[in-house]
Amino acid sequence: MPETAHDSRIRGLSRFLSAATLGLMAVMPLMAWGPWLWPGVFEMIGRSGQVPGNGFGGGLDWFVWPLRLGAAGIATVALLVALYGLMGLRDLFRACAEGRYFSAGAVSGFRQFALASLVNAIWAPFEHTLMGVYLSVSNPNVPNALEIALGSDHVRAIGLALVFFLIAHILAEGRRRHEELELIL
């Protein structure tokens, strides 16, 4: 089947998105671990809202390396789940770049992304609570605190992840029915 102009645009955009996803995957560890491993750098560049000591009172002298590594470890859970999802999304883009829009690899890649999105959306409030407890117990400048938050951003993320999950299942069912039809014909 000859490639149409529309097909060519889809493939070109898919190649770009595949490369962009790979770039995002390379930068994500710095974004997840940066505020915890190098809080002074984030304070210098004007992003002090991400500095752990900013909301807990006092300076950062209490925030020693073992505590920083612990905070980075808590942040690593969401990072690993997100990277897993982005690997699936990249598989989808690579399959689309080759013109295999509804191949098994493309559909399973989107399912992987949808599942990771849902897991991260559900994990986010727990991570926030766990990080808050960990940092407040570790900080001598404030009493121990427990903050549980489930805001509209969390609900929105869970809703969007559920939509992705539903679309992934619809694509998988469509692929299964298409394969059945090919076997019949």
C-alpha atoms as a PDB file:
ATOM      1  CA  MET A   1       0.000   0.000   0.000  1.00  0.00           C
ATOM      2  CA  PRO A   2       1.548   3.358  -0.993  1.00  0.00           C
ATOM      3  CA  GLU A   3       2.205   5.954   1.672  1.00  0.00           C
ATOM      4  CA  THR A   4      -0.180   8.932   1.534  1.00  0.00           C
ATOM      5  CA  ALA A   5       0.632  12.510   2.547  1.00  0.00           C
ATOM      6  CA  HIS A   6      -1.468  12.076   5.673  1.00  0.00           C
ATOM      7  CA  ASP A   7       0.385   8.847   6.500  1.00  0.00           C
ATOM      8  CA  SER A   8       3.686  10.629   5.972  1.00  0.00           C
ATOM      9  CA  ARG A   9       2.721  13.387   8.451  1.00  0.00           C
ATOM     10  CA  ILE A  10       1.672  10.827  11.044  1.00  0.00           C
ATOM     11  CA  ARG A  11       4.945   8.963  10.662  1.00  0.00           C
ATOM     12  CA  GLY A  12       7.009  12.146  10.864  1.00  0.00           C
ATOM     13  CA  LEU A  13       5.180  13.314  13.983  1.00  0.00           C
ATOM     14  CA  SER A  14       5.568   9.850  15.499  1.00  0.00           C
ATOM     15  CA  ARG A  15       9.341   9.922  14.884  1.00  0.00           C
ATOM     16  CA  PHE A  16       9.526  13.344  16.559  1.00  0.00           C
ATOM     17  CA  LEU A  17       7.415  12.221  19.523  1.00  0.00           C
ATOM     18  CA  SER A  18       9.518   9.083  19.906  1.00  0.00           C
ATOM     19  CA  ALA A  19      12.677  11.204  20.135  1.00  0.00           C
ATOM     20  CA  ALA A  20      10.992  13.706  22.467  1.00  0.00           C
ATOM     21  CA  THR A  21       9.844  10.879  24.745  1.00  0.00           C
ATOM     22  CA  LEU A  22      13.393   9.524  24.867  1.00  0.00           C
ATOM     23  CA  GLY A  23      14.663  13.001  25.773  1.00  0.00           C
ATOM     24  CA  LEU A  24      12.046  13.327  28.499  1.00  0.00           C
ATOM     25  CA  MET A  25      13.041   9.935  29.859  1.00  0.00           C
ATOM     26  CA  ALA A  26      16.645  11.136  30.077  1.00  0.00           C
ATOM     27  CA  VAL A  27      15.708  14.349  31.927  1.00  0.00           C
ATOM     28  CA  MET A  28      13.151  12.889  34.337  1.00  0.00           C
ATOM     29  CA  PRO A  29      15.675  11.503  36.865  1.00  0.00           C
ATOM     30  CA  LEU A  30      17.198  14.978  37.207  1.00  0.00           C
ATOM     31  CA  MET A  31      13.758  16.489  37.732  1.00  0.00           C
ATOM     32  CA  ALA A  32      12.793  13.857  40.318  1.00  0.00           C
ATOM     33  CA  TRP A  33      16.057  13.710  42.247  1.00  0.00           C
ATOM     34  CA  GLY A  34      17.361  17.252  41.750  1.00  0.00           C
ATOM     35  CA  PRO A  35      15.414  19.036  44.504  1.00  0.00           C
ATOM     36  CA  TRP A  36      16.429  16.367  46.998  1.00  0.00           C
ATOM     37  CA  LEU A  37      20.061  15.783  46.076  1.00  0.00           C
ATOM     38  CA  TRP A  38      21.003  19.397  45.229  1.00  0.00           C
ATOM     39  CA  PRO A  39      18.514  21.675  47.053  1.00  0.00           C
ATOM     40  CA  GLY A  40      20.925  24.629  47.028  1.00  0.00           C
ATOM     41  CA  VAL A  41      20.962  24.692  43.230  1.00  0.00           C
ATOM     42  CA  PHE A  42      17.167  24.945  43.101  1.00  0.00           C
ATOM     43  CA  GLU A  43      17.275  27.768  45.639  1.00  0.00           C
ATOM     44  CA  MET A  44      19.883  29.659  43.567  1.00  0.00           C
ATOM     45  CA  ILE A  45      17.886  29.464  40.339  1.00  0.00           C
ATOM     46  CA  GLY A  46      14.789  30.871  42.009  1.00  0.00           C
ATOM     47  CA  ARG A  47      12.794  27.689  42.470  1.00  0.00           C
ATOM     48  CA  SER A  48      12.913  27.780  46.260  1.00  0.00           C
ATOM     49  CA  GLY A  49       9.385  26.388  46.476  1.00  0.00           C
ATOM     50  CA  GLN A  50      10.915  23.034  45.637  1.00  0.00           C
ATOM     51  CA  VAL A  51      13.568  23.265  48.324  1.00  0.00           C
ATOM     52  CA  PRO A  52      12.567  20.884  51.146  1.00  0.00           C
ATOM     53  CA  GLY A  53      13.412  23.275  53.993  1.00  0.00           C
ATOM     54  CA  ASN A  54      11.289  26.073  52.549  1.00  0.00           C
ATOM     55  CA  GLY A  55       8.004  24.804  53.904  1.00  0.00           C
ATOM     56  CA  PHE A  56       9.344  23.291  57.113  1.00  0.00           C
ATOM     57  CA  GLY A  57      11.093  26.243  58.728  1.00  0.00           C
ATOM     58  CA  GLY A  58      14.749  26.798  59.435  1.00  0.00           C
ATOM     59  CA  GLY A  59      17.659  26.368  57.077  1.00  0.00           C
ATOM     60  CA  LEU A  60      18.831  23.305  55.259  1.00  0.00           C
ATOM     61  CA  ASP A  61      21.564  22.377  57.754  1.00  0.00           C
ATOM     62  CA  TRP A  62      19.422  19.476  59.044  1.00  0.00           C
ATOM     63  CA  PHE A  63      18.980  18.124  55.526  1.00  0.00           C
ATOM     64  CA  VAL A  64      22.090  15.915  55.442  1.00  0.00           C
ATOM     65  CA  TRP A  65      22.986  13.392  52.729  1.00  0.00           C
ATOM     66  CA  PRO A  66      21.298  10.318  54.268  1.00  0.00           C
ATOM     67  CA  LEU A  67      18.030  12.269  54.555  1.00  0.00           C
ATOM     68  CA  ARG A  68      18.395  13.559  51.010  1.00  0.00           C
ATOM     69  CA  LEU A  69      18.923  10.028  49.715  1.00  0.00           C
ATOM     70  CA  GLY A  70      15.850   8.847  51.613  1.00  0.00           C
ATOM     71  CA  ALA A  71      13.721  11.612  50.071  1.00  0.00           C
ATOM     72  CA  ALA A  72      15.121  10.815  46.620  1.00  0.00           C
ATOM     73  CA  GLY A  73      14.258   7.157  47.264  1.00  0.00           C
ATOM     74  CA  ILE A  74      10.640   8.043  47.998  1.00  0.00           C
ATOM     75  CA  ALA A  75      10.531  10.115  44.791  1.00  0.00           C
ATOM     76  CA  THR A  76      12.057   7.207  42.860  1.00  0.00           C
ATOM     77  CA  VAL A  77       8.881   5.119  43.075  1.00  0.00           C
ATOM     78  CA  ALA A  78       6.901   7.554  40.922  1.00  0.00           C
ATOM     79  CA  LEU A  79       9.919   8.058  38.669  1.00  0.00           C
ATOM     80  CA  LEU A  80      10.249   4.350  37.900  1.00  0.00           C
ATOM     81  CA  VAL A  81       6.542   3.968  37.207  1.00  0.00           C
ATOM     82  CA  ALA A  82       6.618   7.019  34.917  1.00  0.00           C
ATOM     83  CA  LEU A  83       9.665   5.711  33.043  1.00  0.00           C
ATOM     84  CA  TYR A  84       7.929   2.366  32.587  1.00  0.00           C
ATOM     85  CA  GLY A  85       4.917   4.151  31.102  1.00  0.00           C
ATOM     86  CA  LEU A  86       7.052   6.332  28.859  1.00  0.00           C
ATOM     87  CA  MET A  87       8.835   3.259  27.512  1.00  0.00           C
ATOM     88  CA  GLY A  88       5.451   1.932  26.433  1.00  0.00           C
ATOM     89  CA  LEU A  89       4.500   5.284  24.916  1.00  0.00           C
ATOM     90  CA  ARG A  90       7.777   5.329  23.012  1.00  0.00           C
ATOM     91  CA  ASP A  91       7.014   1.830  21.683  1.00  0.00           C
ATOM     92  CA  LEU A  92       3.677   3.181  20.442  1.00  0.00           C
ATOM     93  CA  PHE A  93       5.357   6.112  18.681  1.00  0.00           C
ATOM     94  CA  ARG A  94       8.009   3.869  17.123  1.00  0.00           C
ATOM     95  CA  ALA A  95       5.349   1.484  15.803  1.00  0.00           C
ATOM     96  CA  CYS A  96       3.388   4.418  14.368  1.00  0.00           C
ATOM     97  CA  ALA A  97       6.550   5.780  12.750  1.00  0.00           C
ATOM     98  CA  GLU A  98       6.811   2.453  10.922  1.00  0.00           C
ATOM     99  CA  GLY A  99       3.158   2.616   9.870  1.00  0.00           C
ATOM    100  CA  ARG A 100       2.021  -0.107  12.273  1.00  0.00           C
ATOM    101  CA  TYR A 101      -0.665   1.975  13.992  1.00  0.00           C
ATOM    102  CA  PHE A 102      -2.697  -0.866  15.498  1.00  0.00           C
ATOM    103  CA  SER A 103      -0.011  -3.525  15.836  1.00  0.00           C
ATOM    104  CA  ALA A 104       0.268  -5.593  18.991  1.00  0.00           C
ATOM    105  CA  GLY A 105       3.337  -3.579  20.026  1.00  0.00           C
ATOM    106  CA  ALA A 106       1.561  -0.254  19.556  1.00  0.00           C
ATOM    107  CA  VAL A 107      -1.533  -1.316  21.477  1.00  0.00           C
ATOM    108  CA  SER A 108       0.443  -2.905  24.318  1.00  0.00           C
ATOM    109  CA  GLY A 109       2.674   0.189  24.485  1.00  0.00           C
ATOM    110  CA  PHE A 110      -0.359   2.407  24.988  1.00  0.00           C
ATOM    111  CA  ARG A 111      -1.763  -0.036  27.557  1.00  0.00           C
ATOM    112  CA  GLN A 112       1.549   0.116  29.427  1.00  0.00           C
ATOM    113  CA  PHE A 113       1.431   3.927  29.399  1.00  0.00           C
ATOM    114  CA  ALA A 114      -2.196   3.957  30.579  1.00  0.00           C
ATOM    115  CA  LEU A 115      -1.477   1.537  33.415  1.00  0.00           C
ATOM    116  CA  ALA A 116       1.555   3.540  34.558  1.00  0.00           C
ATOM    117  CA  SER A 117      -0.489   6.751  34.426  1.00  0.00           C
ATOM    118  CA  LEU A 118      -3.170   5.200  36.607  1.00  0.00           C
ATOM    119  CA  VAL A 119      -0.684   3.783  39.109  1.00  0.00           C
ATOM    120  CA  ASN A 120       1.146   7.122  39.381  1.00  0.00           C
ATOM    121  CA  ALA A 121      -2.110   9.064  39.735  1.00  0.00           C
ATOM    122  CA  ILE A 122      -3.178   6.812  42.611  1.00  0.00           C
ATOM    123  CA  TRP A 123       0.316   6.809  44.178  1.00  0.00           C
ATOM    124  CA  ALA A 124       0.702  10.638  44.143  1.00  0.00           C
ATOM    125  CA  PRO A 125      -1.362  11.417  47.302  1.00  0.00           C
ATOM    126  CA  PHE A 126       0.364   8.596  49.181  1.00  0.00           C
ATOM    127  CA  GLU A 127       3.789   9.840  48.096  1.00  0.00           C
ATOM    128  CA  HIS A 128       2.897  13.368  49.238  1.00  0.00           C
ATOM    129  CA  THR A 129       1.845  12.059  52.652  1.00  0.00           C
ATOM    130  CA  LEU A 130       4.861   9.775  53.016  1.00  0.00           C
ATOM    131  CA  MET A 131       7.278  12.542  52.000  1.00  0.00           C
ATOM    132  CA  GLY A 132       5.673  14.987  54.428  1.00  0.00           C
ATOM    133  CA  VAL A 133       5.929  12.554  57.336  1.00  0.00           C
ATOM    134  CA  TYR A 134       9.506  11.627  56.421  1.00  0.00           C
ATOM    135  CA  LEU A 135      10.653  15.239  56.190  1.00  0.00           C
ATOM    136  CA  SER A 136       8.805  16.475  59.283  1.00  0.00           C
ATOM    137  CA  VAL A 137      10.160  13.626  61.426  1.00  0.00           C
ATOM    138  CA  SER A 138      13.661  14.367  60.149  1.00  0.00           C
ATOM    139  CA  ASN A 139      13.509  18.143  60.632  1.00  0.00           C
ATOM    140  CA  PRO A 140      14.327  19.272  64.182  1.00  0.00           C
ATOM    141  CA  ASN A 141      12.878  22.752  63.519  1.00  0.00           C
ATOM    142  CA  VAL A 142       9.253  21.619  63.334  1.00  0.00           C
ATOM    143  CA  PRO A 143       7.102  19.156  65.239  1.00  0.00           C
ATOM    144  CA  ASN A 144       6.147  15.907  63.547  1.00  0.00           C
ATOM    145  CA  ALA A 145       3.298  16.437  61.106  1.00  0.00           C
ATOM    146  CA  LEU A 146       0.961  14.363  59.029  1.00  0.00           C
ATOM    147  CA  GLU A 147      -0.628  15.976  56.001  1.00  0.00           C
ATOM    148  CA  ILE A 148      -3.048  13.992  53.891  1.00  0.00           C
ATOM    149  CA  ALA A 149      -4.186  15.710  50.722  1.00  0.00           C
ATOM    150  CA  LEU A 150      -6.432  14.582  47.932  1.00  0.00           C
ATOM    151  CA  GLY A 151      -7.077  17.681  45.880  1.00  0.00           C
ATOM    152  CA  SER A 152      -8.724  18.404  42.582  1.00  0.00           C
ATOM    153  CA  ASP A 153      -5.385  17.928  40.797  1.00  0.00           C
ATOM    154  CA  HIS A 154      -5.173  14.374  42.131  1.00  0.00           C
ATOM    155  CA  VAL A 155      -8.774  13.636  41.171  1.00  0.00           C
ATOM    156  CA  ARG A 156      -8.181  15.127  37.712  1.00  0.00           C
ATOM    157  CA  ALA A 157      -5.055  12.994  37.224  1.00  0.00           C
ATOM    158  CA  ILE A 158      -6.905   9.846  38.286  1.00  0.00           C
ATOM    159  CA  GLY A 159      -9.792  10.694  35.938  1.00  0.00           C
ATOM    160  CA  LEU A 160      -7.467  11.304  33.004  1.00  0.00           C
ATOM    161  CA  ALA A 161      -5.584   8.082  33.724  1.00  0.00           C
ATOM    162  CA  LEU A 162      -8.887   6.194  33.795  1.00  0.00           C
ATOM    163  CA  VAL A 163      -9.758   7.655  30.376  1.00  0.00           C
ATOM    164  CA  PHE A 164      -6.353   6.495  29.052  1.00  0.00           C
ATOM    165  CA  PHE A 165      -6.996   3.084  30.587  1.00  0.00           C
ATOM    166  CA  LEU A 166     -10.413   2.844  28.931  1.00  0.00           C
ATOM    167  CA  ILE A 167      -9.014   3.900  25.545  1.00  0.00           C
ATOM    168  CA  ALA A 168      -6.248   1.315  25.866  1.00  0.00           C
ATOM    169  CA  HIS A 169      -8.794  -1.427  26.500  1.00  0.00           C
ATOM    170  CA  ILE A 170     -10.942  -0.259  23.577  1.00  0.00           C
ATOM    171  CA  LEU A 171      -7.894  -0.366  21.279  1.00  0.00           C
ATOM    172  CA  ALA A 172      -6.976  -3.825  22.518  1.00  0.00           C
ATOM    173  CA  GLU A 173     -10.516  -5.094  21.960  1.00  0.00           C
ATOM    174  CA  GLY A 174     -10.591  -3.513  18.487  1.00  0.00           C
ATOM    175  CA  ARG A 175      -7.312  -5.207  17.636  1.00  0.00           C
ATOM    176  CA  ARG A 176      -8.618  -8.563  18.902  1.00  0.00           C
ATOM    177  CA  ARG A 177     -11.785  -8.270  16.801  1.00  0.00           C
ATOM    178  CA  HIS A 178      -9.777  -7.255  13.744  1.00  0.00           C
ATOM    179  CA  GLU A 179      -7.587 -10.348  14.135  1.00  0.00           C
ATOM    180  CA  GLU A 180     -10.721 -12.522  14.459  1.00  0.00           C
ATOM    181  CA  LEU A 181     -12.133 -10.984  11.285  1.00  0.00           C
ATOM    182  CA  GLU A 182      -8.882 -11.652   9.402  1.00  0.00           C
ATOM    183  CA  LEU A 183      -8.990 -15.301  10.523  1.00  0.00           C
ATOM    184  CA  ILE A 184     -12.567 -15.644   9.299  1.00  0.00           C
ATOM    185  CA  LEU A 185     -11.754 -14.088   5.923  1.00  0.00           C
END
